[in-house]
Amino acid sequence: MIRKLIEADRQITMNFVGQKPAENVFIIGDIEGHGFHSSIQTLWGDFNDQGDLRGVLLKYDQNFIVYAPSDYDAKGFANIINKDASFSYLSGIEEMVSQLAPYIKAQPKKPRVLYYAKCETVEYLPAIPEEVHLEKAQADDAGAIIAQMKAIPEFSEGNYSVENKRESLEKGLARAYLIKENGIIVSSASSTAENSQSAMIVGVGTLPEYQKKGLATYCMSKLCRELLEENKMLCLFYDNPAAGAIYKRIGFVDIGKWCMWTY
């Protein structure tokens, strides 16, 4: 049985998604940030015959995210999506989305699939040399961080918002560590979608002329260590095998693939 989830369902929903905090970084963050009665998001639960929750579908703005670790009513969730005129994006663990996809009437224009990895230990994070000076980003650094990202070829076409970055830093939904040279940010690593249980690592990069010095790894090491000390499980996406090899050296392990489909 599928029904909308309400505030009274908070505990069972959080217990359900909280079993996999890395896989549910967005759902947990959205529930904590917006609750069950927000104009920007809606949640549905799929319950088995015994009344146990077995799947969650979240709509945030134009994006749907599905989470169901075993069999669920994929056709029922798809019917909800098909009836939504604003539907533009579908995300989730590949195995879960693949159950849903055959029932979605629209065909994805950009069916992107990324590797998904998580980190639970500081054991492999490298030490930071004394001569490397790291700064924790402030809200006023938002514009400079975005400018640095756009100057890195692999990030240059990303859809970045200075306003969103500033707001996330101000509200504690994100943080970043950076390295400056002559007042210019040359390397940085950020978190996003921070919640009480997990956080996503994003924007790990260095300006081309400063690469191959380990700067981004130092930024990431500082950031990850701080988050892990707060008992937050870390996760990230990647599609570059070279980047994946670096992440694995510092303690990240693959947990599957993540679909980011644009319709």
C-alpha atoms as a PDB file:
ATOM      1  CA  MET A   1       0.000   0.000   0.000  1.00  0.00           C
ATOM      2  CA  ILE A   2       1.302   3.447  -0.946  1.00  0.00           C
ATOM      3  CA  ARG A   3       0.282   6.587   0.906  1.00  0.00           C
ATOM      4  CA  LYS A   4       1.641  10.035   1.615  1.00  0.00           C
ATOM      5  CA  LEU A   5       3.878  10.257   4.644  1.00  0.00           C
ATOM      6  CA  ILE A   6       3.009  12.789   7.334  1.00  0.00           C
ATOM      7  CA  GLU A   7       4.698  14.148  10.445  1.00  0.00           C
ATOM      8  CA  ALA A   8       3.376  11.211  12.487  1.00  0.00           C
ATOM      9  CA  ASP A   9       5.470   8.959  10.230  1.00  0.00           C
ATOM     10  CA  ARG A  10       8.733  10.769  10.958  1.00  0.00           C
ATOM     11  CA  GLN A  11      10.190   8.177  13.334  1.00  0.00           C
ATOM     12  CA  ILE A  12       9.481   5.103  11.208  1.00  0.00           C
ATOM     13  CA  THR A  13      10.688   6.918   8.100  1.00  0.00           C
ATOM     14  CA  MET A  14      13.919   8.110   9.690  1.00  0.00           C
ATOM     15  CA  ASN A  15      14.533   4.651  11.174  1.00  0.00           C
ATOM     16  CA  PHE A  16      14.051   3.156   7.706  1.00  0.00           C
ATOM     17  CA  VAL A  17      16.332   5.500   5.751  1.00  0.00           C
ATOM     18  CA  GLY A  18      18.744   5.860   8.674  1.00  0.00           C
ATOM     19  CA  GLN A  19      19.823   2.237   8.252  1.00  0.00           C
ATOM     20  CA  LYS A  20      21.800   3.454   5.214  1.00  0.00           C
ATOM     21  CA  PRO A  21      22.766   7.084   5.935  1.00  0.00           C
ATOM     22  CA  ALA A  22      25.221   7.373   3.034  1.00  0.00           C
ATOM     23  CA  GLU A  23      22.724   6.060   0.490  1.00  0.00           C
ATOM     24  CA  ASN A  24      20.043   8.367   1.906  1.00  0.00           C
ATOM     25  CA  VAL A  25      22.027  11.558   2.424  1.00  0.00           C
ATOM     26  CA  PHE A  26      19.520  13.592   0.390  1.00  0.00           C
ATOM     27  CA  ILE A  27      16.348  12.075   1.857  1.00  0.00           C
ATOM     28  CA  ILE A  28      17.567  12.449   5.445  1.00  0.00           C
ATOM     29  CA  GLY A  29      18.710  16.019   4.804  1.00  0.00           C
ATOM     30  CA  ASP A  30      15.449  16.981   3.116  1.00  0.00           C
ATOM     31  CA  ILE A  31      13.313  15.536   5.912  1.00  0.00           C
ATOM     32  CA  GLU A  32      15.387  17.287   8.576  1.00  0.00           C
ATOM     33  CA  GLY A  33      15.405  20.525   6.601  1.00  0.00           C
ATOM     34  CA  HIS A  34      11.832  20.675   5.318  1.00  0.00           C
ATOM     35  CA  GLY A  35       9.746  18.107   7.166  1.00  0.00           C
ATOM     36  CA  PHE A  36       6.534  16.543   5.877  1.00  0.00           C
ATOM     37  CA  HIS A  37       4.405  19.628   5.299  1.00  0.00           C
ATOM     38  CA  SER A  38       6.600  21.757   3.062  1.00  0.00           C
ATOM     39  CA  SER A  39       5.397  23.307  -0.177  1.00  0.00           C
ATOM     40  CA  ILE A  40       8.646  22.278  -1.870  1.00  0.00           C
ATOM     41  CA  GLN A  41       8.583  18.552  -1.078  1.00  0.00           C
ATOM     42  CA  THR A  42       6.282  15.549  -0.632  1.00  0.00           C
ATOM     43  CA  LEU A  43       7.027  12.020   0.584  1.00  0.00           C
ATOM     44  CA  TRP A  44       5.234   8.734  -0.049  1.00  0.00           C
ATOM     45  CA  GLY A  45       5.752   5.401   1.674  1.00  0.00           C
ATOM     46  CA  ASP A  46       5.163   1.906   0.339  1.00  0.00           C
ATOM     47  CA  PHE A  47       4.034  -0.486   3.104  1.00  0.00           C
ATOM     48  CA  ASN A  48       3.859  -4.271   2.947  1.00  0.00           C
ATOM     49  CA  ASP A  49       0.898  -6.366   4.131  1.00  0.00           C
ATOM     50  CA  GLN A  50       2.250  -6.348   7.681  1.00  0.00           C
ATOM     51  CA  GLY A  51       2.361  -2.541   7.705  1.00  0.00           C
ATOM     52  CA  ASP A  52       6.144  -2.299   7.510  1.00  0.00           C
ATOM     53  CA  LEU A  53       7.708   0.442   5.429  1.00  0.00           C
ATOM     54  CA  ARG A  54       9.564  -1.012   2.445  1.00  0.00           C
ATOM     55  CA  GLY A  55      10.073   1.973   0.130  1.00  0.00           C
ATOM     56  CA  VAL A  56      10.185   5.767   0.154  1.00  0.00           C
ATOM     57  CA  LEU A  57       9.599   8.159  -2.724  1.00  0.00           C
ATOM     58  CA  LEU A  58      10.551  11.790  -2.196  1.00  0.00           C
ATOM     59  CA  LYS A  59       9.691  14.667  -4.474  1.00  0.00           C
ATOM     60  CA  TYR A  60      11.803  17.789  -3.944  1.00  0.00           C
ATOM     61  CA  ASP A  61      10.886  20.561  -6.369  1.00  0.00           C
ATOM     62  CA  GLN A  62      11.091  18.822  -9.784  1.00  0.00           C
ATOM     63  CA  ASN A  63      13.251  15.914  -8.615  1.00  0.00           C
ATOM     64  CA  PHE A  64      12.106  12.471  -7.456  1.00  0.00           C
ATOM     65  CA  ILE A  65      14.351  10.187  -5.366  1.00  0.00           C
ATOM     66  CA  VAL A  66      13.481   6.565  -4.649  1.00  0.00           C
ATOM     67  CA  TYR A  67      14.838   4.330  -1.895  1.00  0.00           C
ATOM     68  CA  ALA A  68      13.770   0.713  -1.413  1.00  0.00           C
ATOM     69  CA  PRO A  69      16.389  -1.876  -0.420  1.00  0.00           C
ATOM     70  CA  SER A  70      14.232  -4.828  -1.521  1.00  0.00           C
ATOM     71  CA  ASP A  71      11.146  -5.421  -3.663  1.00  0.00           C
ATOM     72  CA  TYR A  72       8.620  -2.594  -3.668  1.00  0.00           C
ATOM     73  CA  ASP A  73       5.598  -1.352  -5.597  1.00  0.00           C
ATOM     74  CA  ALA A  74       7.601   0.199  -8.424  1.00  0.00           C
ATOM     75  CA  LYS A  75       4.530   0.546 -10.638  1.00  0.00           C
ATOM     76  CA  GLY A  76       2.695   2.418  -7.891  1.00  0.00           C
ATOM     77  CA  PHE A  77       5.577   4.861  -7.387  1.00  0.00           C
ATOM     78  CA  ALA A  78       5.822   5.300 -11.176  1.00  0.00           C
ATOM     79  CA  ASN A  79       2.129   6.199 -11.359  1.00  0.00           C
ATOM     80  CA  ILE A  80       2.763   9.049  -8.916  1.00  0.00           C
ATOM     81  CA  ILE A  81       5.658  10.296 -11.021  1.00  0.00           C
ATOM     82  CA  ASN A  82       3.748   9.962 -14.307  1.00  0.00           C
ATOM     83  CA  LYS A  83       0.916  12.140 -12.996  1.00  0.00           C
ATOM     84  CA  ASP A  84       3.290  14.958 -11.988  1.00  0.00           C
ATOM     85  CA  ALA A  85       3.489  17.635 -14.677  1.00  0.00           C
ATOM     86  CA  SER A  86       6.625  19.178 -13.131  1.00  0.00           C
ATOM     87  CA  PHE A  87       8.643  15.938 -13.137  1.00  0.00           C
ATOM     88  CA  SER A  88      12.101  16.583 -14.609  1.00  0.00           C
ATOM     89  CA  TYR A  89      14.621  14.464 -12.684  1.00  0.00           C
ATOM     90  CA  LEU A  90      14.837  10.970 -11.200  1.00  0.00           C
ATOM     91  CA  SER A  91      17.624   9.885  -8.838  1.00  0.00           C
ATOM     92  CA  GLY A  92      18.554   6.899  -6.725  1.00  0.00           C
ATOM     93  CA  ILE A  93      20.650   3.764  -6.389  1.00  0.00           C
ATOM     94  CA  GLU A  94      20.801   2.075  -9.784  1.00  0.00           C
ATOM     95  CA  GLU A  95      19.141  -1.184  -8.692  1.00  0.00           C
ATOM     96  CA  MET A  96      16.214   0.733  -7.205  1.00  0.00           C
ATOM     97  CA  VAL A  97      15.747   3.056 -10.162  1.00  0.00           C
ATOM     98  CA  SER A  98      15.964   0.143 -12.598  1.00  0.00           C
ATOM     99  CA  GLN A  99      12.853  -1.404 -11.015  1.00  0.00           C
ATOM    100  CA  LEU A 100      11.004   1.876 -11.478  1.00  0.00           C
ATOM    101  CA  ALA A 101      12.184   2.827 -14.961  1.00  0.00           C
ATOM    102  CA  PRO A 102      10.046   0.409 -17.038  1.00  0.00           C
ATOM    103  CA  TYR A 103       6.890   2.034 -15.691  1.00  0.00           C
ATOM    104  CA  ILE A 104       7.948   5.652 -16.328  1.00  0.00           C
ATOM    105  CA  LYS A 105       6.213   6.881 -19.469  1.00  0.00           C
ATOM    106  CA  ALA A 106       8.846   9.471 -20.395  1.00  0.00           C
ATOM    107  CA  GLN A 107      12.296   8.507 -21.652  1.00  0.00           C
ATOM    108  CA  PRO A 108      15.325  10.136 -19.986  1.00  0.00           C
ATOM    109  CA  LYS A 109      17.177  12.649 -22.151  1.00  0.00           C
ATOM    110  CA  LYS A 110      20.346  12.292 -20.073  1.00  0.00           C
ATOM    111  CA  PRO A 111      20.463   8.922 -18.226  1.00  0.00           C
ATOM    112  CA  ARG A 112      23.657   9.624 -16.292  1.00  0.00           C
ATOM    113  CA  VAL A 113      25.031   6.937 -13.958  1.00  0.00           C
ATOM    114  CA  LEU A 114      27.850   7.656 -11.489  1.00  0.00           C
ATOM    115  CA  TYR A 115      29.881   5.569  -9.084  1.00  0.00           C
ATOM    116  CA  TYR A 116      28.786   6.013  -5.473  1.00  0.00           C
ATOM    117  CA  ALA A 117      31.246   5.600  -2.583  1.00  0.00           C
ATOM    118  CA  LYS A 118      31.242   6.082   1.183  1.00  0.00           C
ATOM    119  CA  CYS A 119      33.800   6.567   3.955  1.00  0.00           C
ATOM    120  CA  GLU A 120      33.437   5.666   7.636  1.00  0.00           C
ATOM    121  CA  THR A 121      37.004   5.889   8.924  1.00  0.00           C
ATOM    122  CA  VAL A 122      39.813   8.432   9.313  1.00  0.00           C
ATOM    123  CA  GLU A 123      42.389   5.627   9.182  1.00  0.00           C
ATOM    124  CA  TYR A 124      43.563   6.298   5.629  1.00  0.00           C
ATOM    125  CA  LEU A 125      43.257  10.077   5.539  1.00  0.00           C
ATOM    126  CA  PRO A 126      46.705  11.584   4.918  1.00  0.00           C
ATOM    127  CA  ALA A 127      48.411  13.874   7.394  1.00  0.00           C
ATOM    128  CA  ILE A 128      48.662  17.515   6.352  1.00  0.00           C
ATOM    129  CA  PRO A 129      52.217  18.936   6.189  1.00  0.00           C
ATOM    130  CA  GLU A 130      52.904  21.904   8.446  1.00  0.00           C
ATOM    131  CA  GLU A 131      53.769  24.109   5.485  1.00  0.00           C
ATOM    132  CA  VAL A 132      50.306  23.628   3.946  1.00  0.00           C
ATOM    133  CA  HIS A 133      47.963  26.342   5.187  1.00  0.00           C
ATOM    134  CA  LEU A 134      44.285  25.395   5.086  1.00  0.00           C
ATOM    135  CA  GLU A 135      41.442  27.818   5.662  1.00  0.00           C
ATOM    136  CA  LYS A 136      37.857  27.006   6.556  1.00  0.00           C
ATOM    137  CA  ALA A 137      35.525  28.773   4.143  1.00  0.00           C
ATOM    138  CA  GLN A 138      33.253  31.556   5.292  1.00  0.00           C
ATOM    139  CA  ALA A 139      30.033  32.603   3.606  1.00  0.00           C
ATOM    140  CA  ASP A 140      31.861  35.490   1.923  1.00  0.00           C
ATOM    141  CA  ASP A 141      34.107  32.947   0.151  1.00  0.00           C
ATOM    142  CA  ALA A 142      31.171  31.572  -1.845  1.00  0.00           C
ATOM    143  CA  GLY A 143      31.851  33.599  -4.986  1.00  0.00           C
ATOM    144  CA  ALA A 144      35.563  32.818  -4.992  1.00  0.00           C
ATOM    145  CA  ILE A 145      34.915  29.069  -4.528  1.00  0.00           C
ATOM    146  CA  ILE A 146      32.519  29.043  -7.487  1.00  0.00           C
ATOM    147  CA  ALA A 147      35.033  30.997  -9.585  1.00  0.00           C
ATOM    148  CA  GLN A 148      37.724  28.444  -8.735  1.00  0.00           C
ATOM    149  CA  MET A 149      35.423  25.557  -9.714  1.00  0.00           C
ATOM    150  CA  LYS A 150      34.619  27.144 -13.067  1.00  0.00           C
ATOM    151  CA  ALA A 151      38.351  27.531 -13.775  1.00  0.00           C
ATOM    152  CA  ILE A 152      38.891  23.754 -13.521  1.00  0.00           C
ATOM    153  CA  PRO A 153      38.111  22.085 -16.891  1.00  0.00           C
ATOM    154  CA  GLU A 154      36.216  19.068 -15.492  1.00  0.00           C
ATOM    155  CA  PHE A 155      33.957  21.344 -13.429  1.00  0.00           C
ATOM    156  CA  SER A 156      33.660  24.267 -15.859  1.00  0.00           C
ATOM    157  CA  GLU A 157      30.231  23.330 -17.219  1.00  0.00           C
ATOM    158  CA  GLY A 158      28.626  22.727 -13.849  1.00  0.00           C
ATOM    159  CA  ASN A 159      25.483  24.559 -12.810  1.00  0.00           C
ATOM    160  CA  TYR A 160      26.728  26.590  -9.852  1.00  0.00           C
ATOM    161  CA  SER A 161      24.952  29.224  -7.793  1.00  0.00           C
ATOM    162  CA  VAL A 162      26.873  31.684  -5.623  1.00  0.00           C
ATOM    163  CA  GLU A 163      23.662  32.441  -3.726  1.00  0.00           C
ATOM    164  CA  ASN A 164      23.011  28.779  -2.925  1.00  0.00           C
ATOM    165  CA  LYS A 165      26.632  28.247  -1.896  1.00  0.00           C
ATOM    166  CA  ARG A 166      26.527  31.257   0.407  1.00  0.00           C
ATOM    167  CA  GLU A 167      23.220  30.181   1.945  1.00  0.00           C
ATOM    168  CA  SER A 168      24.443  26.620   2.542  1.00  0.00           C
ATOM    169  CA  LEU A 169      27.605  27.874   4.250  1.00  0.00           C
ATOM    170  CA  GLU A 170      25.605  30.305   6.374  1.00  0.00           C
ATOM    171  CA  LYS A 171      23.066  27.689   7.474  1.00  0.00           C
ATOM    172  CA  GLY A 172      25.623  24.967   8.189  1.00  0.00           C
ATOM    173  CA  LEU A 173      24.296  22.685   5.457  1.00  0.00           C
ATOM    174  CA  ALA A 174      27.745  22.764   3.854  1.00  0.00           C
ATOM    175  CA  ARG A 175      31.345  23.581   4.681  1.00  0.00           C
ATOM    176  CA  ALA A 176      34.577  23.804   2.749  1.00  0.00           C
ATOM    177  CA  TYR A 177      38.314  23.863   3.253  1.00  0.00           C
ATOM    178  CA  LEU A 178      40.556  25.714   0.851  1.00  0.00           C
ATOM    179  CA  ILE A 179      44.110  26.672   0.049  1.00  0.00           C
ATOM    180  CA  LYS A 180      44.970  30.155  -1.204  1.00  0.00           C
ATOM    181  CA  GLU A 181      47.960  31.446  -3.126  1.00  0.00           C
ATOM    182  CA  ASN A 182      48.398  35.241  -3.208  1.00  0.00           C
ATOM    183  CA  GLY A 183      44.814  35.626  -2.035  1.00  0.00           C
ATOM    184  CA  ILE A 184      43.374  33.377  -4.774  1.00  0.00           C
ATOM    185  CA  ILE A 185      41.735  30.022  -4.009  1.00  0.00           C
ATOM    186  CA  VAL A 186      43.786  27.395  -5.831  1.00  0.00           C
ATOM    187  CA  SER A 187      42.336  24.250  -4.250  1.00  0.00           C
ATOM    188  CA  SER A 188      39.258  23.331  -2.262  1.00  0.00           C
ATOM    189  CA  ALA A 189      36.924  20.567  -1.121  1.00  0.00           C
ATOM    190  CA  SER A 190      33.345  21.064   0.036  1.00  0.00           C
ATOM    191  CA  SER A 191      30.513  19.197   1.669  1.00  0.00           C
ATOM    192  CA  THR A 192      26.853  19.465   0.803  1.00  0.00           C
ATOM    193  CA  ALA A 193      23.537  17.976   1.967  1.00  0.00           C
ATOM    194  CA  GLU A 194      24.868  17.801   5.528  1.00  0.00           C
ATOM    195  CA  ASN A 195      22.471  16.266   8.020  1.00  0.00           C
ATOM    196  CA  SER A 196      22.644  14.668  11.458  1.00  0.00           C
ATOM    197  CA  GLN A 197      23.899  11.345  10.073  1.00  0.00           C
ATOM    198  CA  SER A 198      25.763  11.941   6.821  1.00  0.00           C
ATOM    199  CA  ALA A 199      27.236  14.411   4.358  1.00  0.00           C
ATOM    200  CA  MET A 200      28.251  14.412   0.712  1.00  0.00           C
ATOM    201  CA  ILE A 201      31.707  15.482  -0.460  1.00  0.00           C
ATOM    202  CA  VAL A 202      31.710  17.649  -3.603  1.00  0.00           C
ATOM    203  CA  GLY A 203      33.849  20.116  -5.509  1.00  0.00           C
ATOM    204  CA  VAL A 204      37.204  18.485  -4.826  1.00  0.00           C
ATOM    205  CA  GLY A 205      39.576  20.201  -7.204  1.00  0.00           C
ATOM    206  CA  THR A 206      42.678  22.286  -7.873  1.00  0.00           C
ATOM    207  CA  LEU A 207      43.465  24.894 -10.507  1.00  0.00           C
ATOM    208  CA  PRO A 208      45.385  23.237 -13.385  1.00  0.00           C
ATOM    209  CA  GLU A 209      48.645  25.081 -12.758  1.00  0.00           C
ATOM    210  CA  TYR A 210      48.712  23.897  -9.113  1.00  0.00           C
ATOM    211  CA  GLN A 211      47.810  20.246  -9.653  1.00  0.00           C
ATOM    212  CA  LYS A 212      49.886  17.158  -8.824  1.00  0.00           C
ATOM    213  CA  LYS A 213      50.915  18.573  -5.451  1.00  0.00           C
ATOM    214  CA  GLY A 214      48.285  16.779  -3.369  1.00  0.00           C
ATOM    215  CA  LEU A 215      46.527  20.039  -2.461  1.00  0.00           C
ATOM    216  CA  ALA A 216      42.978  18.822  -3.079  1.00  0.00           C
ATOM    217  CA  THR A 217      43.719  15.660  -1.096  1.00  0.00           C
ATOM    218  CA  TYR A 218      44.838  17.797   1.861  1.00  0.00           C
ATOM    219  CA  CYS A 219      41.652  19.881   1.641  1.00  0.00           C
ATOM    220  CA  MET A 220      39.601  16.721   1.495  1.00  0.00           C
ATOM    221  CA  SER A 221      41.511  15.094   4.356  1.00  0.00           C
ATOM    222  CA  LYS A 222      40.805  18.031   6.651  1.00  0.00           C
ATOM    223  CA  LEU A 223      37.162  18.201   5.640  1.00  0.00           C
ATOM    224  CA  CYS A 224      36.543  14.456   5.960  1.00  0.00           C
ATOM    225  CA  ARG A 225      38.319  14.208   9.304  1.00  0.00           C
ATOM    226  CA  GLU A 226      36.182  16.971  10.767  1.00  0.00           C
ATOM    227  CA  LEU A 227      32.925  15.424   9.536  1.00  0.00           C
ATOM    228  CA  LEU A 228      33.847  11.908  10.656  1.00  0.00           C
ATOM    229  CA  GLU A 229      34.713  13.223  14.121  1.00  0.00           C
ATOM    230  CA  GLU A 230      31.101  14.461  14.224  1.00  0.00           C
ATOM    231  CA  ASN A 231      29.979  10.872  13.505  1.00  0.00           C
ATOM    232  CA  LYS A 232      28.735  11.702  10.025  1.00  0.00           C
ATOM    233  CA  MET A 233      29.085   9.048   7.346  1.00  0.00           C
ATOM    234  CA  LEU A 234      30.576  10.459   4.146  1.00  0.00           C
ATOM    235  CA  CYS A 235      29.633   9.772   0.554  1.00  0.00           C
ATOM    236  CA  LEU A 236      30.505  11.060  -2.904  1.00  0.00           C
ATOM    237  CA  PHE A 237      29.869  10.546  -6.603  1.00  0.00           C
ATOM    238  CA  TYR A 238      32.556  10.085  -9.223  1.00  0.00           C
ATOM    239  CA  ASP A 239      32.768   9.050 -12.859  1.00  0.00           C
ATOM    240  CA  ASN A 240      36.513   9.454 -13.380  1.00  0.00           C
ATOM    241  CA  PRO A 241      38.447   6.230 -12.557  1.00  0.00           C
ATOM    242  CA  ALA A 242      41.569   8.248 -11.714  1.00  0.00           C
ATOM    243  CA  ALA A 243      39.607  10.266  -9.152  1.00  0.00           C
ATOM    244  CA  GLY A 244      38.057   7.058  -7.864  1.00  0.00           C
ATOM    245  CA  ALA A 245      41.503   5.566  -7.255  1.00  0.00           C
ATOM    246  CA  ILE A 246      42.458   8.607  -5.137  1.00  0.00           C
ATOM    247  CA  TYR A 247      39.259   8.405  -3.110  1.00  0.00           C
ATOM    248  CA  LYS A 248      39.811   4.704  -2.437  1.00  0.00           C
ATOM    249  CA  ARG A 249      43.351   5.361  -1.208  1.00  0.00           C
ATOM    250  CA  ILE A 250      41.987   7.650   1.501  1.00  0.00           C
ATOM    251  CA  GLY A 251      39.279   5.294   2.734  1.00  0.00           C
ATOM    252  CA  PHE A 252      36.274   5.485   0.407  1.00  0.00           C
ATOM    253  CA  VAL A 253      34.690   2.233  -0.760  1.00  0.00           C
ATOM    254  CA  ASP A 254      32.222   1.768  -3.596  1.00  0.00           C
ATOM    255  CA  ILE A 255      28.652   1.035  -2.511  1.00  0.00           C
ATOM    256  CA  GLY A 256      26.992   0.956  -5.924  1.00  0.00           C
ATOM    257  CA  LYS A 257      26.029   3.306  -8.704  1.00  0.00           C
ATOM    258  CA  TRP A 258      23.781   6.346  -8.577  1.00  0.00           C
ATOM    259  CA  CYS A 259      21.378   7.319 -11.340  1.00  0.00           C
ATOM    260  CA  MET A 260      20.870  11.001 -12.132  1.00  0.00           C
ATOM    261  CA  TRP A 261      18.380  10.984 -14.995  1.00  0.00           C
ATOM    262  CA  THR A 262      17.157  14.163 -16.653  1.00  0.00           C
ATOM    263  CA  TYR A 263      13.810  14.062 -18.476  1.00  0.00           C
END
